[in-house]
N, C-alpha and C. Protein backbone atom coordinates (compact mmCIF):
# COMPACT_ATOMS: atom_id res chain seq x y z
N GLN A 1 0.86 -1.20 0.00
CA GLN A 1 -0.03 0.01 0.00
C GLN A 1 0.88 1.23 0.00
N VAL A 2 0.61 2.16 -0.92
CA VAL A 2 1.39 3.37 -1.04
C VAL A 2 0.66 4.49 -0.33
N GLN A 3 1.38 5.24 0.48
CA GLN A 3 0.73 6.36 1.16
C GLN A 3 1.73 7.41 1.55
N LEU A 4 1.20 8.58 1.80
CA LEU A 4 2.00 9.71 2.27
C LEU A 4 1.61 9.94 3.74
N VAL A 5 2.60 9.89 4.58
CA VAL A 5 2.36 10.02 6.04
C VAL A 5 2.85 11.35 6.50
N GLU A 6 1.93 12.17 6.99
CA GLU A 6 2.24 13.54 7.40
C GLU A 6 2.32 13.63 8.92
N SER A 7 3.07 14.61 9.39
CA SER A 7 3.10 14.92 10.82
C SER A 7 3.54 16.39 10.99
N GLY A 8 3.27 16.93 12.17
CA GLY A 8 3.81 18.20 12.54
C GLY A 8 2.83 19.35 12.68
N GLY A 9 1.58 19.14 12.35
CA GLY A 9 0.64 20.25 12.47
C GLY A 9 0.34 20.54 13.92
N GLY A 10 -0.45 21.60 14.16
CA GLY A 10 -0.81 21.97 15.49
C GLY A 10 -1.20 23.40 15.66
N LEU A 11 -1.23 23.86 16.88
CA LEU A 11 -1.63 25.23 17.22
C LEU A 11 -0.37 26.01 17.64
N VAL A 12 -0.25 27.18 17.08
CA VAL A 12 0.89 28.05 17.39
C VAL A 12 0.44 29.49 17.38
N GLN A 13 1.14 30.32 18.14
CA GLN A 13 0.81 31.74 18.14
C GLN A 13 1.44 32.43 16.93
N ALA A 14 0.85 33.49 16.57
CA ALA A 14 1.39 34.28 15.45
C ALA A 14 2.83 34.67 15.76
N GLY A 15 3.67 34.53 14.75
CA GLY A 15 5.09 34.81 14.87
C GLY A 15 5.89 33.57 15.23
N GLY A 16 5.20 32.49 15.57
CA GLY A 16 5.85 31.24 15.95
C GLY A 16 6.26 30.40 14.75
N SER A 17 6.74 29.17 15.05
CA SER A 17 7.20 28.28 13.99
C SER A 17 6.64 26.88 14.15
N LEU A 18 6.53 26.20 13.07
CA LEU A 18 6.16 24.78 13.03
C LEU A 18 6.93 24.12 11.92
N ARG A 19 7.08 22.83 12.01
CA ARG A 19 7.74 22.08 10.95
C ARG A 19 6.83 20.92 10.59
N LEU A 20 6.51 20.79 9.34
CA LEU A 20 5.75 19.69 8.85
C LEU A 20 6.64 18.69 8.13
N SER A 21 6.34 17.40 8.28
CA SER A 21 7.10 16.38 7.57
C SER A 21 6.14 15.47 6.82
N CYS A 22 6.65 14.90 5.72
CA CYS A 22 5.83 13.99 4.93
C CYS A 22 6.77 12.93 4.35
N ALA A 23 6.41 11.69 4.59
CA ALA A 23 7.21 10.58 4.07
C ALA A 23 6.35 9.69 3.22
N ALA A 24 6.89 9.31 2.07
CA ALA A 24 6.18 8.36 1.19
C ALA A 24 6.58 6.94 1.60
N SER A 25 5.60 6.08 1.73
CA SER A 25 5.90 4.67 2.06
C SER A 25 5.21 3.75 1.11
N GLY A 26 5.76 2.54 0.98
CA GLY A 26 5.21 1.55 0.05
C GLY A 26 5.95 1.55 -1.24
N SER A 27 5.38 0.90 -2.23
CA SER A 27 6.06 0.67 -3.50
C SER A 27 5.91 1.86 -4.43
N ILE A 28 6.62 2.89 -4.16
CA ILE A 28 6.64 4.08 -4.99
C ILE A 28 8.09 4.44 -5.25
N SER A 29 8.39 4.79 -6.48
CA SER A 29 9.75 5.14 -6.87
C SER A 29 9.71 6.30 -7.85
N ASP A 30 10.88 6.78 -8.17
CA ASP A 30 11.06 7.88 -9.13
C ASP A 30 10.04 8.99 -8.87
N ILE A 31 10.04 9.48 -7.63
CA ILE A 31 9.16 10.57 -7.26
C ILE A 31 9.65 11.84 -7.91
N THR A 32 8.86 12.39 -8.76
CA THR A 32 9.29 13.57 -9.50
C THR A 32 9.11 14.82 -8.65
N ASP A 33 7.94 15.17 -8.32
CA ASP A 33 7.65 16.33 -7.48
C ASP A 33 7.01 15.95 -6.15
N MET A 34 7.47 16.61 -5.11
CA MET A 34 6.83 16.47 -3.80
C MET A 34 6.60 17.86 -3.26
N GLY A 35 5.47 18.08 -2.62
CA GLY A 35 5.20 19.39 -2.14
C GLY A 35 4.09 19.47 -1.11
N TRP A 36 3.76 20.66 -0.71
CA TRP A 36 2.68 20.93 0.24
C TRP A 36 1.68 21.87 -0.39
N TYR A 37 0.44 21.56 -0.19
CA TYR A 37 -0.66 22.42 -0.52
C TYR A 37 -1.42 22.72 0.74
N ARG A 38 -2.26 23.74 0.71
CA ARG A 38 -3.08 24.05 1.85
C ARG A 38 -4.47 24.51 1.39
N GLN A 39 -5.40 24.29 2.28
CA GLN A 39 -6.77 24.70 2.01
C GLN A 39 -7.36 25.31 3.28
N ALA A 40 -7.68 26.61 3.19
CA ALA A 40 -8.33 27.31 4.31
C ALA A 40 -9.87 27.18 4.10
N PRO A 41 -10.59 27.35 5.17
CA PRO A 41 -12.05 27.26 5.07
C PRO A 41 -12.62 28.23 4.05
N GLY A 42 -13.42 27.73 3.14
CA GLY A 42 -14.07 28.54 2.12
C GLY A 42 -13.17 28.94 0.99
N LYS A 43 -11.96 28.42 0.94
CA LYS A 43 -11.01 28.78 -0.14
C LYS A 43 -10.62 27.55 -0.89
N GLN A 44 -10.03 27.76 -2.09
CA GLN A 44 -9.51 26.68 -2.86
C GLN A 44 -8.16 26.20 -2.36
N ARG A 45 -7.88 24.96 -2.64
CA ARG A 45 -6.54 24.39 -2.30
C ARG A 45 -5.48 25.13 -3.14
N GLU A 46 -4.40 25.48 -2.50
CA GLU A 46 -3.33 26.20 -3.21
C GLU A 46 -2.00 25.60 -2.89
N LEU A 47 -1.04 25.75 -3.85
CA LEU A 47 0.31 25.30 -3.65
C LEU A 47 1.00 26.20 -2.66
N VAL A 48 1.70 25.58 -1.68
CA VAL A 48 2.49 26.34 -0.72
C VAL A 48 3.95 26.30 -1.16
N ALA A 49 4.47 25.10 -1.36
CA ALA A 49 5.85 24.94 -1.78
C ALA A 49 6.04 23.55 -2.35
N SER A 50 6.97 23.44 -3.31
CA SER A 50 7.26 22.11 -3.86
C SER A 50 8.74 22.01 -4.15
N ALA A 51 9.21 20.75 -4.28
CA ALA A 51 10.59 20.46 -4.61
C ALA A 51 10.64 19.33 -5.62
N SER A 52 11.35 19.55 -6.71
CA SER A 52 11.45 18.55 -7.70
C SER A 52 12.59 17.58 -7.36
N SER A 53 12.69 16.47 -8.02
CA SER A 53 13.74 15.49 -7.74
C SER A 53 15.12 16.07 -8.09
N GLY A 54 15.11 17.08 -9.00
CA GLY A 54 16.35 17.70 -9.41
C GLY A 54 16.74 18.88 -8.54
N GLY A 55 15.92 19.20 -7.54
CA GLY A 55 16.30 20.27 -6.58
C GLY A 55 15.65 21.62 -6.89
N ARG A 56 14.77 21.65 -7.86
CA ARG A 56 14.12 22.93 -8.15
C ARG A 56 13.02 23.18 -7.10
N LEU A 57 13.07 24.36 -6.53
CA LEU A 57 12.12 24.70 -5.45
C LEU A 57 11.14 25.73 -5.96
N LYS A 58 9.91 25.65 -5.46
CA LYS A 58 8.89 26.64 -5.85
C LYS A 58 8.11 27.01 -4.59
N TYR A 59 7.81 28.31 -4.47
CA TYR A 59 7.06 28.80 -3.31
C TYR A 59 5.94 29.72 -3.74
N ALA A 60 4.84 29.69 -2.98
CA ALA A 60 3.80 30.68 -3.18
C ALA A 60 4.35 32.03 -2.72
N ASP A 61 3.94 33.10 -3.35
CA ASP A 61 4.46 34.42 -3.00
C ASP A 61 4.16 34.75 -1.55
N SER A 62 3.09 34.27 -1.06
CA SER A 62 2.67 34.62 0.34
C SER A 62 3.56 33.98 1.40
N VAL A 63 4.35 33.00 1.04
CA VAL A 63 5.20 32.36 2.05
C VAL A 63 6.71 32.53 1.79
N LYS A 64 7.04 33.19 0.70
CA LYS A 64 8.48 33.39 0.40
C LYS A 64 9.17 34.16 1.50
N GLY A 65 10.30 33.68 1.89
CA GLY A 65 11.06 34.31 2.98
C GLY A 65 10.67 33.85 4.33
N ARG A 66 9.58 33.12 4.47
CA ARG A 66 9.14 32.63 5.76
C ARG A 66 9.14 31.09 5.84
N PHE A 67 8.84 30.44 4.75
CA PHE A 67 8.77 28.98 4.72
C PHE A 67 9.96 28.45 3.92
N THR A 68 10.45 27.28 4.34
CA THR A 68 11.56 26.61 3.59
C THR A 68 11.20 25.16 3.41
N ILE A 69 11.25 24.70 2.17
CA ILE A 69 11.00 23.27 1.90
C ILE A 69 12.35 22.61 1.62
N SER A 70 12.46 21.37 2.14
CA SER A 70 13.67 20.61 1.86
C SER A 70 13.24 19.17 1.58
N ARG A 71 14.11 18.45 0.84
CA ARG A 71 13.72 17.13 0.40
C ARG A 71 14.89 16.19 0.53
N ASP A 72 14.61 14.96 0.97
CA ASP A 72 15.58 13.87 1.04
C ASP A 72 15.09 12.80 0.08
N ASN A 73 15.71 12.72 -1.10
CA ASN A 73 15.26 11.76 -2.09
C ASN A 73 15.38 10.31 -1.64
N ALA A 74 16.48 10.01 -0.96
CA ALA A 74 16.74 8.63 -0.51
C ALA A 74 15.68 8.18 0.48
N LYS A 75 15.22 9.09 1.33
CA LYS A 75 14.25 8.75 2.35
C LYS A 75 12.81 9.00 1.86
N LYS A 76 12.65 9.56 0.65
CA LYS A 76 11.33 9.87 0.14
C LYS A 76 10.60 10.78 1.12
N LEU A 77 11.27 11.85 1.55
CA LEU A 77 10.81 12.68 2.64
C LEU A 77 10.93 14.13 2.25
N ILE A 78 9.91 14.93 2.63
CA ILE A 78 10.01 16.35 2.51
C ILE A 78 9.68 17.01 3.87
N LEU A 79 10.32 18.11 4.10
CA LEU A 79 10.09 18.91 5.30
C LEU A 79 9.67 20.31 4.91
N LEU A 80 8.78 20.89 5.68
CA LEU A 80 8.38 22.29 5.46
C LEU A 80 8.58 23.00 6.76
N GLN A 81 9.60 23.82 6.84
CA GLN A 81 9.87 24.69 7.98
C GLN A 81 9.11 26.00 7.83
N MET A 82 8.21 26.27 8.76
CA MET A 82 7.35 27.43 8.67
C MET A 82 7.70 28.39 9.79
N ASN A 83 8.18 29.56 9.46
CA ASN A 83 8.59 30.54 10.45
C ASN A 83 7.71 31.80 10.30
N SER A 84 7.70 32.65 11.32
CA SER A 84 6.96 33.90 11.27
C SER A 84 5.51 33.65 10.81
N LEU A 85 4.87 32.68 11.43
CA LEU A 85 3.54 32.28 11.04
C LEU A 85 2.54 33.39 11.30
N LYS A 86 1.57 33.49 10.37
CA LYS A 86 0.54 34.49 10.46
C LYS A 86 -0.84 33.81 10.57
N SER A 87 -1.82 34.53 11.02
CA SER A 87 -3.15 33.93 11.13
C SER A 87 -3.67 33.44 9.78
N GLU A 88 -3.28 34.14 8.72
CA GLU A 88 -3.72 33.74 7.38
C GLU A 88 -3.06 32.43 6.91
N ASP A 89 -2.11 31.89 7.66
CA ASP A 89 -1.52 30.57 7.30
C ASP A 89 -2.35 29.47 7.85
N THR A 90 -3.37 29.81 8.63
CA THR A 90 -4.23 28.78 9.18
C THR A 90 -4.95 28.00 8.05
N ALA A 91 -4.81 26.71 8.05
CA ALA A 91 -5.34 25.89 6.97
C ALA A 91 -5.04 24.41 7.26
N VAL A 92 -5.68 23.53 6.49
CA VAL A 92 -5.26 22.13 6.46
C VAL A 92 -4.19 21.98 5.38
N TYR A 93 -3.06 21.47 5.77
CA TYR A 93 -1.94 21.30 4.85
C TYR A 93 -1.86 19.89 4.38
N TYR A 94 -1.74 19.70 3.06
CA TYR A 94 -1.73 18.41 2.43
C TYR A 94 -0.41 18.16 1.74
N CYS A 95 0.15 17.01 1.96
CA CYS A 95 1.34 16.57 1.22
C CYS A 95 0.92 16.01 -0.11
N ASN A 96 1.74 16.23 -1.12
CA ASN A 96 1.44 15.80 -2.48
C ASN A 96 2.68 15.22 -3.11
N ALA A 97 2.56 14.17 -3.87
CA ALA A 97 3.69 13.59 -4.55
C ALA A 97 3.26 12.94 -5.86
N VAL A 98 4.13 12.97 -6.82
CA VAL A 98 3.91 12.29 -8.08
C VAL A 98 5.06 11.29 -8.27
N GLY A 99 4.72 10.01 -8.41
CA GLY A 99 5.76 9.01 -8.53
C GLY A 99 5.25 7.75 -9.21
N LEU A 100 6.19 6.87 -9.48
CA LEU A 100 5.91 5.63 -10.17
C LEU A 100 5.48 4.57 -9.18
N VAL A 101 4.24 4.10 -9.37
CA VAL A 101 3.64 3.13 -8.46
C VAL A 101 3.50 1.82 -9.17
N GLY A 102 4.54 0.99 -9.07
CA GLY A 102 4.52 -0.35 -9.71
C GLY A 102 4.09 -0.32 -11.13
N SER A 103 3.16 -1.25 -11.44
CA SER A 103 2.66 -1.37 -12.80
C SER A 103 1.57 -0.35 -13.13
N LEU A 104 1.18 0.43 -12.13
CA LEU A 104 0.12 1.43 -12.33
C LEU A 104 0.59 2.65 -13.05
N GLY A 105 1.91 2.82 -13.14
CA GLY A 105 2.43 4.02 -13.80
C GLY A 105 2.60 5.16 -12.83
N TYR A 106 2.70 6.37 -13.36
CA TYR A 106 2.89 7.58 -12.50
C TYR A 106 1.51 8.01 -11.97
N LEU A 107 1.47 8.11 -10.65
CA LEU A 107 0.25 8.55 -9.98
C LEU A 107 0.50 9.77 -9.13
N GLU A 108 -0.55 10.52 -8.91
CA GLU A 108 -0.47 11.65 -7.98
C GLU A 108 -1.14 11.23 -6.68
N LEU A 109 -0.38 11.37 -5.59
CA LEU A 109 -0.84 10.95 -4.29
C LEU A 109 -1.03 12.14 -3.38
N TRP A 110 -2.00 12.01 -2.43
CA TRP A 110 -2.23 13.00 -1.44
C TRP A 110 -2.19 12.41 -0.04
N GLY A 111 -1.70 13.21 0.90
CA GLY A 111 -1.74 12.78 2.29
C GLY A 111 -3.15 13.11 2.85
N GLN A 112 -3.32 12.69 4.10
CA GLN A 112 -4.63 12.87 4.71
C GLN A 112 -4.89 14.29 5.20
N GLY A 113 -3.83 15.05 5.27
CA GLY A 113 -3.98 16.45 5.71
C GLY A 113 -3.65 16.60 7.19
N THR A 114 -3.00 17.72 7.50
CA THR A 114 -2.69 18.06 8.91
C THR A 114 -3.07 19.53 9.16
N LEU A 115 -3.74 19.75 10.26
CA LEU A 115 -4.28 21.10 10.53
C LEU A 115 -3.22 21.98 11.20
N VAL A 116 -3.06 23.15 10.63
CA VAL A 116 -2.20 24.19 11.23
C VAL A 116 -3.07 25.37 11.61
N THR A 117 -3.06 25.70 12.87
CA THR A 117 -3.86 26.81 13.38
C THR A 117 -2.93 27.85 14.00
N VAL A 118 -3.03 29.09 13.49
CA VAL A 118 -2.18 30.14 14.00
C VAL A 118 -3.10 31.17 14.68
N SER A 119 -2.88 31.32 15.97
CA SER A 119 -3.73 32.25 16.76
C SER A 119 -3.10 33.62 16.80
N SER A 120 -3.91 34.63 16.71
CA SER A 120 -3.39 36.00 16.73
C SER A 120 -3.46 36.64 18.09
């Protein structure tokens, strides 16, 4: 069974920090892109940050300079360090990955989501 296992969400005061982690488990290989999306109540899901297998990083304008994504290809793991958190960062954060899943080909996978709440 292939899945993305997330951890690290929680409640933090504005200006604080949290770190999210996501690890891919099961028969998945050649993961091209891994990243984090978020969805706030009443809003569409949006890209927060992503990292390609070649090291290309992408960030939403709203988090540049505050969030840092890192990736360990060998461990199939990504981390999202979130600093200087704001109330508008409150959302459910979802891990996303695209990789080769056995004979099924390349699939896009989603984690179950982890809630980040920033109190002002």
